[in-house]
Protein backbone atom coordinates (compact mmCIF):
# COMPACT_ATOMS: atom_id res chain seq x y z
CA MET A 1 62.43 -48.30 56.60
CA ARG A 2 62.83 -44.53 56.39
CA THR A 3 60.33 -44.36 53.54
CA LEU A 4 57.80 -46.34 55.57
CA PHE A 5 58.33 -44.06 58.55
CA MET A 6 57.80 -40.92 56.47
CA SER A 7 54.74 -42.40 54.76
CA PHE A 8 53.11 -43.13 58.13
CA TRP A 9 53.99 -39.68 59.40
CA ILE A 10 52.50 -37.90 56.36
CA ALA A 11 49.41 -40.10 56.37
CA SER A 12 48.67 -39.37 60.05
CA ASN A 13 49.18 -35.65 59.46
CA LEU A 14 46.84 -35.64 56.48
CA LEU A 15 44.12 -37.59 58.22
CA LEU A 16 44.18 -35.40 61.30
CA THR A 17 44.02 -32.30 59.09
CA VAL A 18 41.03 -33.81 57.25
CA ALA A 19 39.36 -34.55 60.58
CA ALA A 20 39.66 -30.91 61.62
CA ALA A 21 38.40 -29.73 58.20
CA VAL A 22 35.41 -32.10 58.39
CA MET A 23 34.44 -30.60 61.74
CA ILE A 24 34.41 -27.15 60.20
CA TRP A 25 32.43 -28.42 57.20
CA ARG A 26 29.88 -30.23 59.40
CA LYS A 27 29.65 -27.22 61.77
CA LEU A 28 30.71 -29.26 64.80
CA VAL A 29 33.26 -26.76 66.12
CA GLY A 30 30.69 -25.13 68.42
CA LYS A 31 29.55 -28.51 69.76
CA TYR A 32 33.03 -29.86 70.48
CA PRO A 33 35.26 -26.74 70.74
CA MET A 34 38.00 -28.41 72.82
CA PHE A 35 38.17 -31.45 70.61
CA PHE A 36 38.40 -29.25 67.52
CA SER A 37 41.11 -27.16 69.23
CA TYR A 38 43.01 -30.39 69.95
CA THR A 39 42.77 -31.71 66.38
CA ALA A 40 43.63 -28.36 64.80
CA TYR A 41 46.49 -27.66 67.18
CA THR A 42 47.92 -31.18 66.86
CA ALA A 43 47.65 -31.09 63.04
CA VAL A 44 49.43 -27.72 62.82
CA THR A 45 52.22 -28.78 65.25
CA LEU A 46 52.67 -32.08 63.40
CA TRP A 47 53.24 -30.30 60.12
CA LEU A 48 55.62 -27.77 61.76
CA ASN A 49 57.59 -30.54 63.46
CA PHE A 50 57.71 -32.35 60.12
CA LEU A 51 59.27 -29.26 58.49
CA LEU A 52 61.67 -28.80 61.42
CA TYR A 53 62.84 -32.38 61.05
CA PHE A 54 63.66 -31.98 57.34
CA LYS A 55 64.95 -28.43 57.41
CA PHE A 56 66.95 -28.21 60.63
CA GLY A 57 67.48 -31.80 61.78
CA GLU A 58 66.63 -33.87 64.81
CA SER A 59 67.78 -31.33 67.45
CA ALA A 60 65.35 -28.68 66.16
CA TYR A 61 62.59 -31.31 65.87
CA SER A 62 63.19 -32.42 69.49
CA TYR A 63 62.81 -28.83 70.71
CA GLY A 64 59.65 -28.31 68.69
CA TYR A 65 58.22 -31.63 69.89
CA TRP A 66 58.56 -30.77 73.58
CA VAL A 67 57.13 -27.28 73.12
CA SER A 68 54.11 -28.61 71.21
CA ALA A 69 53.68 -31.54 73.61
CA LEU A 70 52.74 -29.22 76.47
CA GLY A 71 49.82 -27.78 74.50
CA CYS A 72 48.72 -31.26 73.37
CA THR A 73 48.72 -32.55 76.97
CA LEU A 74 46.67 -29.60 78.29
CA LEU A 75 44.21 -29.83 75.42
CA ALA A 76 43.90 -33.60 75.86
CA PHE A 77 42.77 -33.10 79.43
CA ALA A 78 40.37 -30.35 78.31
CA VAL A 79 38.88 -32.78 75.78
CA LEU A 80 38.38 -35.37 78.53
CA ARG A 81 36.43 -32.81 80.52
CA GLU A 82 34.40 -31.81 77.48
CA ILE A 83 33.48 -35.44 76.74
CA PHE A 84 32.49 -36.00 80.33
CA LEU A 85 30.26 -32.92 80.35
CA GLN A 86 28.72 -33.93 77.04
CA ILE A 87 27.97 -37.42 78.41
CA PHE A 88 26.02 -35.93 81.33
CA ARG A 89 24.59 -32.96 79.33
CA PRO A 90 20.91 -33.86 80.10
CA TYR A 91 21.68 -34.09 83.83
CA GLU A 92 22.62 -30.73 85.34
CA SER A 93 23.50 -31.99 88.82
CA LEU A 94 25.63 -34.88 87.57
CA ARG A 95 27.39 -32.46 85.22
CA GLU A 96 28.18 -29.98 87.96
CA PHE A 97 29.29 -32.73 90.30
CA GLY A 98 31.54 -34.09 87.57
CA THR A 99 33.06 -30.68 87.04
CA VAL A 100 34.12 -30.59 90.70
CA LEU A 101 35.62 -34.06 90.39
CA PHE A 102 37.57 -33.03 87.30
CA ARG A 103 39.04 -30.04 89.06
CA TRP A 104 40.26 -32.27 91.87
CA ALA A 105 41.53 -34.80 89.31
CA ALA A 106 43.59 -32.07 87.66
CA VAL A 107 45.13 -31.11 90.99
CA VAL A 108 45.91 -34.74 91.82
CA LEU A 109 47.48 -35.37 88.39
CA VAL A 110 49.74 -32.37 88.75
CA LEU A 111 50.78 -33.37 92.30
CA ILE A 112 51.53 -36.93 91.14
CA ALA A 113 53.61 -35.62 88.27
CA ILE A 114 55.54 -33.28 90.61
CA VAL A 115 56.21 -36.09 93.13
CA MET A 116 57.29 -38.52 90.39
CA THR A 117 59.57 -35.89 88.88
CA LEU A 118 61.25 -34.97 92.17
CA SER A 119 61.67 -38.62 93.10
CA SER A 120 63.28 -39.56 89.75
CA SER A 121 66.96 -40.31 90.05
CA GLY A 122 68.63 -38.41 87.24
CA GLY A 123 68.09 -39.78 83.77
CA SER A 124 68.61 -38.40 80.31
CA LEU A 125 65.53 -36.18 80.37
CA PRO A 126 65.47 -32.71 82.08
CA LEU A 127 63.08 -32.33 85.00
CA ALA A 128 60.58 -30.30 82.94
CA HIS A 129 60.47 -33.03 80.29
CA HIS A 130 60.09 -35.73 82.91
CA PHE A 131 57.22 -33.79 84.53
CA LEU A 132 55.42 -33.51 81.18
CA PHE A 133 56.12 -37.17 80.43
CA THR A 134 54.59 -38.30 83.70
CA LEU A 135 51.58 -35.98 83.35
CA ASP A 136 50.99 -37.24 79.81
CA ARG A 137 50.99 -40.85 80.94
CA SER A 138 48.43 -40.08 83.64
CA ILE A 139 46.09 -38.46 81.13
CA MET A 140 46.51 -41.44 78.78
CA MET A 141 45.39 -43.76 81.57
CA MET A 142 42.27 -41.61 81.98
CA GLN A 143 41.64 -41.85 78.23
CA CYS A 144 41.78 -45.62 78.35
CA GLY A 145 39.46 -45.57 81.31
CA LEU A 146 37.05 -43.33 79.38
CA VAL A 147 36.62 -45.98 76.69
CA ILE A 148 35.79 -48.60 79.30
CA PHE A 149 33.32 -46.21 80.95
CA MET A 150 31.61 -45.50 77.62
CA PHE A 151 31.11 -49.19 76.82
CA LEU A 152 29.90 -50.03 80.32
CA PHE A 153 27.57 -47.11 80.98
CA GLY A 154 26.97 -45.44 77.60
CA GLY A 155 23.76 -47.41 77.03
CA GLN A 156 22.37 -46.34 80.43
CA LEU A 157 22.92 -42.71 79.41
CA GLY A 158 21.12 -43.08 76.07
CA LEU A 159 24.28 -43.21 73.96
CA THR A 160 25.07 -45.73 71.23
CA VAL A 161 28.26 -46.58 69.36
CA ARG A 162 27.11 -44.30 66.52
CA HIS A 163 27.32 -41.18 68.71
CA HIS A 164 30.28 -38.85 68.12
CA LEU A 165 31.33 -39.18 71.77
CA PHE A 166 31.96 -42.88 71.25
CA GLY A 167 34.15 -42.23 68.22
CA ILE A 168 36.17 -39.55 70.02
CA ALA A 169 36.66 -41.76 73.05
CA ILE A 170 37.65 -44.81 70.97
CA GLY A 171 40.21 -42.81 69.02
CA PHE A 172 41.76 -41.42 72.18
CA GLY A 173 41.78 -44.81 73.85
CA LEU A 174 43.43 -46.41 70.83
CA ILE A 175 46.18 -43.77 70.68
CA ALA A 176 46.71 -43.82 74.45
CA SER A 177 47.01 -47.60 74.77
CA PHE A 178 49.66 -47.93 72.02
CA GLU A 179 51.46 -44.83 73.25
CA LEU A 180 51.70 -46.37 76.74
CA VAL A 181 53.15 -49.55 75.21
CA PHE A 182 55.69 -47.49 73.32
CA MET A 183 56.65 -45.53 76.44
CA THR A 184 57.14 -48.78 78.37
CA VAL A 185 59.34 -50.26 75.65
CA TYR A 186 61.31 -47.00 75.43
CA ALA A 187 61.76 -46.74 79.23
CA TYR A 188 62.96 -50.35 79.71
CA GLY A 189 64.82 -50.63 76.41
CA THR A 190 63.28 -54.00 75.53
CA GLY A 191 62.00 -55.01 72.11
CA ASN A 192 62.39 -53.45 68.70
CA LEU A 193 61.76 -49.77 69.32
CA PHE A 194 61.39 -48.93 65.63
CA MET A 195 58.72 -51.56 64.98
CA VAL A 196 56.82 -50.58 68.12
CA ASN A 197 56.91 -46.98 66.96
CA MET A 198 55.57 -48.07 63.54
CA VAL A 199 52.68 -49.91 65.24
CA LYS A 200 52.01 -46.82 67.37
CA MET A 201 51.89 -44.59 64.25
CA ALA A 202 49.59 -47.10 62.54
CA ALA A 203 47.26 -46.90 65.56
CA GLU A 204 47.26 -43.12 65.27
CA ILE A 205 46.32 -43.35 61.59
CA VAL A 206 43.42 -45.68 62.44
CA ALA A 207 42.32 -43.35 65.27
CA TYR A 208 42.38 -40.27 63.06
CA GLY A 209 40.43 -42.23 60.46
CA ILE A 210 37.84 -43.13 63.09
CA TRP A 211 37.52 -39.43 64.06
CA THR A 212 37.10 -38.43 60.43
CA GLY A 213 34.50 -41.09 59.81
CA TYR A 214 32.47 -40.23 62.94
CA MET A 215 32.56 -36.51 62.22
CA MET A 216 31.16 -37.17 58.75
CA MET A 217 28.25 -39.28 60.00
CA PRO A 218 25.03 -37.71 61.28
CA GLU A 219 24.61 -38.17 65.02
CA PRO A 220 21.48 -39.98 66.24
CA GLU A 221 19.28 -38.69 69.04
CA ARG A 222 19.79 -40.11 72.49
CA ARG A 223 17.58 -43.12 72.89
CA GLN A 224 15.08 -43.46 75.70
CA SER A 225 15.12 -46.69 77.66
CA GLY A 226 14.41 -48.12 81.05
CA SER A 227 18.03 -47.74 82.05
CA PHE A 228 17.81 -44.06 81.01
CA ALA A 229 15.58 -43.53 84.06
CA HIS A 230 18.26 -44.81 86.42
CA ALA A 231 20.57 -41.95 85.38
CA ALA A 232 17.72 -39.54 85.97
CA ASN A 233 17.29 -41.01 89.46
CA TRP A 234 20.93 -40.31 90.17
CA ASN A 235 20.57 -36.76 88.87
CA ASN A 236 17.47 -36.04 90.94
CA GLU A 237 18.91 -37.51 94.14
CA LEU A 238 22.22 -35.73 93.66
CA THR A 239 20.33 -32.47 93.28
CA GLY A 240 18.78 -32.99 96.66
CA ALA A 241 22.07 -34.02 98.21
CA THR A 242 23.99 -30.98 97.02
CA TYR A 243 21.31 -28.30 97.21
CA GLY A 244 18.59 -29.63 99.49
CA ASN A 245 20.29 -29.25 102.85
CA SER A 246 23.22 -26.84 102.98
CA ASP A 247 23.69 -27.32 106.76
CA SER A 248 24.43 -31.05 106.46
CA ALA A 249 27.81 -32.57 105.72
CA PHE A 250 28.45 -33.26 102.06
CA LEU A 251 29.68 -36.87 102.44
CA PRO A 252 26.70 -38.20 104.45
CA ASN A 253 24.40 -36.63 101.86
CA ILE A 254 26.17 -38.52 99.09
CA VAL A 255 25.93 -41.79 101.08
CA ASP A 256 22.21 -41.25 101.56
CA THR A 257 21.87 -40.45 97.86
CA VAL A 258 23.49 -43.78 96.87
CA GLU A 259 21.18 -45.71 99.21
CA ARG A 260 18.03 -43.95 97.86
CA VAL A 261 19.01 -44.46 94.24
CA LEU A 262 19.82 -48.15 94.73
CA SER A 263 16.54 -48.78 96.52
CA ARG A 264 14.61 -46.89 93.83
CA ARG A 265 16.49 -48.78 91.09
CA THR A 266 15.45 -52.08 92.66
CA ALA A 267 11.81 -50.94 92.63
CA THR A 268 12.17 -49.85 88.99
CA ASP A 269 13.64 -53.22 87.97
CA ILE A 270 10.82 -55.06 89.68
CA TYR A 271 8.23 -52.98 87.82
CA LEU A 272 9.89 -53.44 84.45
CA HIS A 273 10.25 -57.20 84.88
CA ALA A 274 6.68 -57.51 86.06
CA THR A 275 5.33 -55.58 83.03
CA PRO A 276 6.15 -57.45 79.80
CA GLY A 277 6.99 -55.22 76.88
CA ARG A 278 7.50 -52.15 79.12
CA THR A 279 10.79 -50.34 78.42
CA THR A 280 10.08 -47.04 80.13
CA LEU A 281 8.57 -45.97 83.39
CA PRO A 282 5.06 -44.54 83.57
CA ASN A 283 4.75 -40.77 83.78
């Protein structure tokens, strides 16, 4: 069992290191700086924690784990923001609106973590560890939601499963889902903790392999389609809502924006269905 555990640990470290090296080789660091920072930082800390475990024992490893976990959590949230901005890169207003939402999301996540930490009744973990634990779980839920968002709306934004953003999101979602299962088993003390941990490590190996494979593949151009125009409608209307009338309240502007986009989308759908073979709107 110990040999299997060490084999999985080394394999995951190696694959993540390869993923970071491939990003340097393919010159993708500038395109995804936060994702590269996450992979490089996590790879380095994994190797350091591996050495701590063998050289100084479990107590030193535990200390190194919690120190490195803070950086991983912050970088994971930064990667989420980077993916979100990359998704809406062609749409300036949607991107700026999403930036505001992400700032508020960060504030809400921190407040939730603080409330959950203060309301916790004792336990074996210190308050700082419990805070980080809760914050990490919240970000993992967002990572799982990102995968669902990509599969539901990626096509409308001109993205396909071959785009790097899909691979990054799938890897994070895979890691987050199994990590949440492991945390649940650990918290309630049910099931075979060792086997669940092995499954979690196997999921990490698969995720790092997905990242490596995606980073090695050339990325296709965003495809143009009829649904691509719907996102442009949202961007145009949101521009008018946020910049067109500074004296009006923000929320009514957003409500009007939704109504205008939905009505325009209905007209677009009618045109596309009435014109066989047409996949884009006329200029």
